[in-house]
Amino acid sequence: MTEITAAQPLLRPDAGANNEPHGYWRGVGARLLRDHVTLAVGVLLLAIILLAICAPLVATHDPLQGSVLRRLKPIGTPGFWLGTDETGRDIWSRLVYGARLSLVCGITPVFFATMIGGSLGLIAGISGRFINMLVMRVVDVFYAFPSVLLAIAICGVIGAGIGNTILSLSVVFIPPIVRVTESLTTQVKSRDFVEAARASAAPLHAIIRHQIVPNVLGGILVYATSLVSISIILSAGLSFLGLGVTPPNPEWGLMLNALRQAIFVNPIVAALPGVAIVITSLCFNLLSDGLRSAMDIKLQT
């Protein structure tokens, strides 16, 4: 788990013309359809999300019900094709139910941080020097703390639980999103099409809505997608330390913590939650890379 750093802002061409934004997004869609890696990653992520949504239908057992008579069954055991954990609970059922909590704890904090951080970054970017310095200096304070330690400290103070995990990770992700949004907004507001809109006496809210927001939205989306993978890892780490999701709820980080004692008895089964975390995080990273390539016109020329 590495420190979160602000990505290089991604700008698209001017969106001042009436039809240009639509043509731009059509071009992005066409490039994504030609990117087979991103398509494959998108299909895999969709499958993971569908498994999480349809967990009651695809799970073969109650994820909370165990038995000491079937504890630590290996992969391929009849009726338990991915084996069982230390209390005899079905691993497959706990993985698909655990995907729900892991995805919620991975996506929700990024969503809230994008809404709050994006708004603050937009305000800082379009406001005067005083407001900009005030917002950005407050954001810089949070950069004094490593993201992992900040999340642990917040959860240590407010306690464990799904809601507190989402709150702590939202606080962690707001500063980098503010910085990226402010950088994008500062670049866009100095472009010629924005100056032309100002010269035509267009109101500020219209300039923000039609000129600035459409141009910064793509870069924020790309960066937020890359943060989801970090959020999944951080939430799993908090659960592993006992500061995130509480037992007996199935969650991948919590499953890793529970199975770590069995790593010498049944190492493959013990590693399955970690494999799920790695695959899902890697998919979001690859999806972010694909979106960045599709949205960057300079890479297409």
Protein backbone atom coordinates (compact mmCIF):
# COMPACT_ATOMS: atom_id res chain seq x y z
CA MET A 1 0.00 0.00 0.00
CA THR A 2 1.75 3.08 -1.23
CA GLU A 3 1.26 6.74 -0.60
CA ILE A 4 -1.38 8.40 -2.75
CA THR A 5 0.00 10.99 -5.10
CA ALA A 6 -1.83 13.26 -7.49
CA ALA A 7 -1.72 12.00 -11.06
CA GLN A 8 -0.68 14.12 -13.98
CA PRO A 9 -3.80 16.05 -15.07
CA LEU A 10 -5.41 14.90 -18.29
CA LEU A 11 -6.85 17.53 -20.58
CA ARG A 12 -8.98 17.05 -23.65
CA PRO A 13 -9.37 19.50 -26.49
CA ASP A 14 -11.51 22.61 -26.19
CA ALA A 15 -15.20 21.85 -25.77
CA GLY A 16 -16.44 25.25 -26.72
CA ALA A 17 -18.19 24.29 -29.93
CA ASN A 18 -21.71 22.95 -29.74
CA ASN A 19 -21.03 19.54 -31.28
CA GLU A 20 -17.45 19.04 -30.20
CA PRO A 21 -18.05 17.46 -26.78
CA HIS A 22 -20.34 14.85 -28.31
CA GLY A 23 -17.78 14.05 -30.99
CA TYR A 24 -15.07 13.81 -28.38
CA TRP A 25 -16.97 11.30 -26.24
CA ARG A 26 -17.92 9.28 -29.33
CA GLY A 27 -14.22 9.12 -30.15
CA VAL A 28 -13.45 7.96 -26.62
CA GLY A 29 -16.04 5.21 -26.95
CA ALA A 30 -14.64 4.11 -30.30
CA ARG A 31 -11.09 3.92 -28.93
CA LEU A 32 -12.29 1.92 -25.92
CA LEU A 33 -14.00 -0.56 -28.23
CA ARG A 34 -10.69 -1.05 -30.06
CA ASP A 35 -8.81 -1.59 -26.78
CA HIS A 36 -9.17 -5.33 -26.21
CA VAL A 37 -7.40 -5.29 -22.83
CA THR A 38 -9.72 -2.63 -21.43
CA LEU A 39 -12.75 -4.46 -22.83
CA ALA A 40 -11.64 -7.73 -21.22
CA VAL A 41 -11.00 -5.97 -17.92
CA GLY A 42 -14.41 -4.29 -18.10
CA VAL A 43 -16.12 -7.64 -18.71
CA LEU A 44 -14.26 -9.20 -15.77
CA LEU A 45 -15.20 -6.30 -13.47
CA LEU A 46 -18.81 -6.56 -14.62
CA ALA A 47 -18.74 -10.28 -13.81
CA ILE A 48 -17.38 -9.57 -10.30
CA ILE A 49 -20.05 -6.93 -9.71
CA LEU A 50 -22.80 -9.25 -10.95
CA LEU A 51 -21.54 -12.04 -8.69
CA ALA A 52 -21.68 -9.65 -5.74
CA ILE A 53 -25.20 -8.49 -6.62
CA CYS A 54 -26.44 -12.04 -7.23
CA ALA A 55 -24.62 -13.52 -4.22
CA PRO A 56 -27.78 -15.15 -2.75
CA LEU A 57 -28.32 -16.93 -6.08
CA VAL A 58 -24.76 -18.10 -6.77
CA ALA A 59 -23.67 -18.91 -3.21
CA THR A 60 -23.95 -22.61 -2.41
CA HIS A 61 -24.06 -22.26 1.40
CA ASP A 62 -24.84 -19.81 4.14
CA PRO A 63 -21.65 -17.68 4.41
CA LEU A 64 -22.04 -17.41 8.21
CA GLN A 65 -22.82 -21.05 8.99
CA GLY A 66 -19.91 -23.36 9.72
CA SER A 67 -19.14 -26.72 11.25
CA VAL A 68 -16.05 -28.01 13.02
CA LEU A 69 -16.53 -31.29 11.17
CA ARG A 70 -15.70 -29.71 7.81
CA ARG A 71 -13.08 -27.12 8.75
CA LEU A 72 -10.19 -26.40 6.35
CA LYS A 73 -11.42 -28.65 3.56
CA PRO A 74 -9.15 -28.43 0.48
CA ILE A 75 -10.13 -27.13 -2.94
CA GLY A 76 -12.23 -29.64 -4.88
CA THR A 77 -14.03 -31.10 -1.89
CA PRO A 78 -17.50 -32.30 -2.98
CA GLY A 79 -20.00 -29.60 -2.11
CA PHE A 80 -17.22 -27.13 -1.28
CA TRP A 81 -15.33 -26.63 -4.53
CA LEU A 82 -13.13 -23.85 -3.09
CA GLY A 83 -12.77 -25.51 0.30
CA THR A 84 -13.75 -24.24 3.75
CA ASP A 85 -12.24 -21.87 6.28
CA GLU A 86 -11.09 -22.37 9.86
CA THR A 87 -14.65 -22.73 11.16
CA GLY A 88 -15.99 -24.85 8.30
CA ARG A 89 -17.68 -22.05 6.34
CA ASP A 90 -17.80 -22.35 2.55
CA ILE A 91 -15.07 -20.21 0.95
CA TRP A 92 -16.91 -19.68 -2.35
CA SER A 93 -20.01 -18.39 -0.59
CA ARG A 94 -17.96 -16.09 1.61
CA LEU A 95 -16.00 -14.78 -1.39
CA VAL A 96 -19.10 -13.79 -3.37
CA TYR A 97 -20.76 -12.24 -0.33
CA GLY A 98 -17.46 -10.63 0.62
CA ALA A 99 -17.30 -9.00 -2.82
CA ARG A 100 -20.30 -6.92 -1.78
CA LEU A 101 -18.59 -5.34 1.21
CA SER A 102 -15.22 -5.07 -0.52
CA LEU A 103 -16.70 -3.27 -3.52
CA VAL A 104 -18.83 -1.01 -1.32
CA CYS A 105 -15.81 -0.11 0.81
CA GLY A 106 -13.77 0.42 -2.35
CA ILE A 107 -16.17 2.43 -4.53
CA THR A 108 -18.23 4.42 -2.01
CA PRO A 109 -15.33 6.36 -0.41
CA VAL A 110 -14.03 7.31 -3.86
CA PHE A 111 -17.51 8.46 -4.89
CA PHE A 112 -17.92 10.69 -1.82
CA ALA A 113 -14.36 11.96 -2.09
CA THR A 114 -14.90 12.80 -5.77
CA MET A 115 -18.08 14.73 -5.01
CA ILE A 116 -16.56 16.69 -2.11
CA GLY A 117 -12.99 16.96 -3.38
CA GLY A 118 -14.10 17.76 -6.92
CA SER A 119 -16.31 20.59 -5.67
CA LEU A 120 -13.56 22.02 -3.46
CA GLY A 121 -11.00 21.73 -6.26
CA LEU A 122 -13.35 23.45 -8.69
CA ILE A 123 -13.96 26.29 -6.22
CA ALA A 124 -10.22 26.65 -5.60
CA GLY A 125 -9.48 26.65 -9.31
CA ILE A 126 -12.00 29.29 -10.35
CA SER A 127 -11.69 31.53 -7.28
CA GLY A 128 -9.18 34.22 -6.53
CA ARG A 129 -5.76 33.78 -5.04
CA PHE A 130 -6.90 33.98 -1.40
CA ILE A 131 -9.55 31.22 -1.65
CA ASN A 132 -7.18 29.07 -3.71
CA MET A 133 -4.39 29.35 -1.16
CA LEU A 134 -6.77 28.70 1.74
CA VAL A 135 -8.18 25.51 0.23
CA MET A 136 -4.86 24.18 -1.05
CA ARG A 137 -2.97 24.88 2.19
CA VAL A 138 -5.59 22.96 4.15
CA VAL A 139 -5.21 20.10 1.66
CA ASP A 140 -1.44 20.20 2.07
CA VAL A 141 -1.85 19.55 5.81
CA PHE A 142 -3.33 16.15 5.03
CA TYR A 143 -0.33 15.33 2.84
CA ALA A 144 1.84 15.49 5.95
CA PHE A 145 0.36 12.11 6.94
CA PRO A 146 0.82 8.91 4.91
CA SER A 147 -2.54 7.73 3.63
CA VAL A 148 -2.33 4.35 5.36
CA LEU A 149 -1.49 5.86 8.75
CA LEU A 150 -4.18 8.52 8.35
CA ALA A 151 -6.83 5.87 7.65
CA ILE A 152 -5.66 3.77 10.60
CA ALA A 153 -5.65 6.81 12.89
CA ILE A 154 -9.17 7.85 11.93
CA CYS A 155 -10.57 4.33 12.33
CA GLY A 156 -8.67 3.96 15.61
CA VAL A 157 -10.39 7.09 16.94
CA ILE A 158 -13.94 6.58 15.66
CA GLY A 159 -13.94 2.78 15.86
CA ALA A 160 -14.37 -0.15 13.49
CA GLY A 161 -17.34 -0.72 11.20
CA ILE A 162 -18.38 -0.34 7.58
CA GLY A 163 -19.59 3.24 7.97
CA ASN A 164 -16.44 4.34 9.77
CA THR A 165 -14.27 2.64 7.15
CA ILE A 166 -16.06 4.54 4.38
CA LEU A 167 -15.72 7.80 6.34
CA SER A 168 -12.00 7.37 7.01
CA LEU A 169 -11.18 6.45 3.41
CA SER A 170 -13.27 9.35 2.10
CA VAL A 171 -11.17 11.72 4.21
CA VAL A 172 -8.00 10.11 2.86
CA PHE A 173 -9.03 10.49 -0.79
CA ILE A 174 -10.41 14.02 -0.69
CA PRO A 175 -6.99 15.81 -0.72
CA PRO A 176 -5.58 14.17 -3.87
CA ILE A 177 -8.84 14.68 -5.74
CA VAL A 178 -8.90 18.35 -4.69
CA ARG A 179 -5.36 18.77 -5.98
CA VAL A 180 -6.06 17.11 -9.35
CA THR A 181 -9.33 19.03 -9.84
CA GLU A 182 -7.72 22.35 -8.94
CA SER A 183 -4.86 21.72 -11.36
CA LEU A 184 -7.24 20.80 -14.18
CA THR A 185 -9.52 23.75 -13.50
CA THR A 186 -6.61 26.20 -13.40
CA GLN A 187 -5.41 24.98 -16.80
CA VAL A 188 -8.85 24.98 -18.41
CA LYS A 189 -9.90 28.45 -17.24
CA SER A 190 -6.93 30.00 -19.05
CA ARG A 191 -7.84 28.40 -22.39
CA ASP A 192 -8.99 30.54 -25.30
CA PHE A 193 -12.54 29.20 -25.42
CA VAL A 194 -13.11 30.18 -21.77
CA GLU A 195 -11.72 33.64 -22.42
CA ALA A 196 -14.04 33.93 -25.42
CA ALA A 197 -17.02 32.97 -23.26
CA ARG A 198 -16.06 35.64 -20.74
CA ALA A 199 -15.66 38.22 -23.49
CA SER A 200 -19.17 37.42 -24.69
CA ALA A 201 -20.49 38.34 -21.20
CA ALA A 202 -21.58 34.79 -20.42
CA PRO A 203 -22.49 34.37 -16.72
CA LEU A 204 -20.00 32.60 -14.48
CA HIS A 205 -22.32 29.66 -13.74
CA ALA A 206 -22.79 29.07 -17.48
CA ILE A 207 -19.04 29.13 -18.09
CA ILE A 208 -18.49 26.64 -15.25
CA ARG A 209 -21.27 24.35 -16.44
CA HIS A 210 -20.64 24.38 -20.18
CA GLN A 211 -16.93 25.17 -20.53
CA ILE A 212 -14.99 24.14 -17.42
CA VAL A 213 -16.79 21.13 -15.96
CA PRO A 214 -17.00 19.14 -19.24
CA ASN A 215 -13.25 19.63 -19.74
CA VAL A 216 -12.17 18.57 -16.24
CA LEU A 217 -14.66 15.74 -15.81
CA GLY A 218 -12.71 13.23 -17.90
CA GLY A 219 -9.47 13.70 -15.98
CA ILE A 220 -11.26 13.42 -12.64
CA LEU A 221 -13.01 10.24 -13.78
CA VAL A 222 -9.73 8.63 -14.81
CA TYR A 223 -8.04 9.51 -11.54
CA ALA A 224 -11.02 8.42 -9.43
CA THR A 225 -11.05 5.05 -11.20
CA SER A 226 -7.41 4.50 -10.26
CA LEU A 227 -8.22 5.35 -6.62
CA VAL A 228 -10.80 2.56 -6.40
CA SER A 229 -8.05 -0.07 -6.49
CA ILE A 230 -6.21 1.71 -3.65
CA SER A 231 -9.47 2.00 -1.73
CA ILE A 232 -10.11 -1.75 -2.00
CA ILE A 233 -6.61 -2.50 -0.71
CA LEU A 234 -6.83 0.04 2.13
CA SER A 235 -10.26 -1.18 3.25
CA ALA A 236 -9.02 -4.77 3.20
CA GLY A 237 -5.97 -3.71 5.21
CA LEU A 238 -8.15 -1.99 7.81
CA SER A 239 -10.31 -5.10 8.13
CA PHE A 240 -7.18 -7.25 8.40
CA LEU A 241 -6.04 -5.09 11.33
CA GLY A 242 -9.46 -5.26 12.99
CA LEU A 243 -10.29 -1.62 12.22
CA GLY A 244 -12.65 -2.15 9.30
CA VAL A 245 -15.51 -4.57 8.76
CA THR A 246 -16.27 -6.51 11.93
CA PRO A 247 -16.77 -10.30 12.22
CA PRO A 248 -18.62 -12.42 11.27
CA ASN A 249 -19.38 -10.38 8.13
CA PRO A 250 -17.68 -11.84 5.06
CA GLU A 251 -15.11 -9.37 3.69
CA TRP A 252 -11.91 -10.19 1.84
CA GLY A 253 -9.51 -8.46 4.25
CA LEU A 254 -11.27 -9.97 7.24
CA MET A 255 -11.13 -13.40 5.58
CA LEU A 256 -7.38 -13.01 5.11
CA ASN A 257 -6.97 -12.25 8.80
CA ALA A 258 -9.06 -15.25 9.81
CA LEU A 259 -7.24 -17.63 7.45
CA ARG A 260 -3.68 -16.51 8.21
CA GLN A 261 -3.43 -19.12 10.97
CA ALA A 262 -4.22 -21.83 8.40
CA ILE A 263 -1.59 -20.82 5.85
CA PHE A 264 0.68 -23.73 6.78
CA VAL A 265 -2.20 -26.23 6.83
CA ASN A 266 -4.05 -25.21 3.67
CA PRO A 267 -2.10 -22.39 1.98
CA ILE A 268 -4.11 -22.31 -1.28
CA VAL A 269 -7.43 -21.81 0.49
CA ALA A 270 -5.85 -19.21 2.79
CA ALA A 271 -4.61 -17.22 -0.22
CA LEU A 272 -7.94 -17.07 -2.09
CA PRO A 273 -9.20 -13.80 -0.51
CA GLY A 274 -5.85 -12.20 -1.34
CA VAL A 275 -6.15 -13.39 -4.94
CA ALA A 276 -9.61 -11.80 -5.15
CA ILE A 277 -8.23 -8.49 -3.83
CA VAL A 278 -5.32 -8.52 -6.29
CA ILE A 279 -7.48 -9.37 -9.33
CA THR A 280 -10.12 -6.73 -8.55
CA SER A 281 -7.55 -4.02 -7.79
CA LEU A 282 -5.58 -4.85 -10.93
CA CYS A 283 -8.76 -4.66 -13.02
CA PHE A 284 -9.54 -1.16 -11.78
CA ASN A 285 -5.94 -0.09 -12.46
CA LEU A 286 -6.05 -1.44 -16.01
CA LEU A 287 -9.45 0.15 -16.57
CA SER A 288 -8.03 3.50 -15.44
CA ASP A 289 -5.09 3.11 -17.84
CA GLY A 290 -7.47 2.28 -20.68
CA LEU A 291 -9.64 5.31 -19.95
CA ARG A 292 -6.57 7.54 -19.81
CA SER A 293 -5.32 6.31 -23.18
CA ALA A 294 -8.77 6.67 -24.77
CA MET A 295 -9.23 10.22 -23.46
CA ASP A 296 -5.75 11.50 -24.27
CA ILE A 297 -5.95 12.79 -27.83
CA LYS A 298 -2.17 13.29 -27.95
CA LEU A 299 -1.66 9.55 -27.70
CA GLN A 300 -3.90 9.01 -30.73
CA THR A 301 -2.02 11.36 -33.04
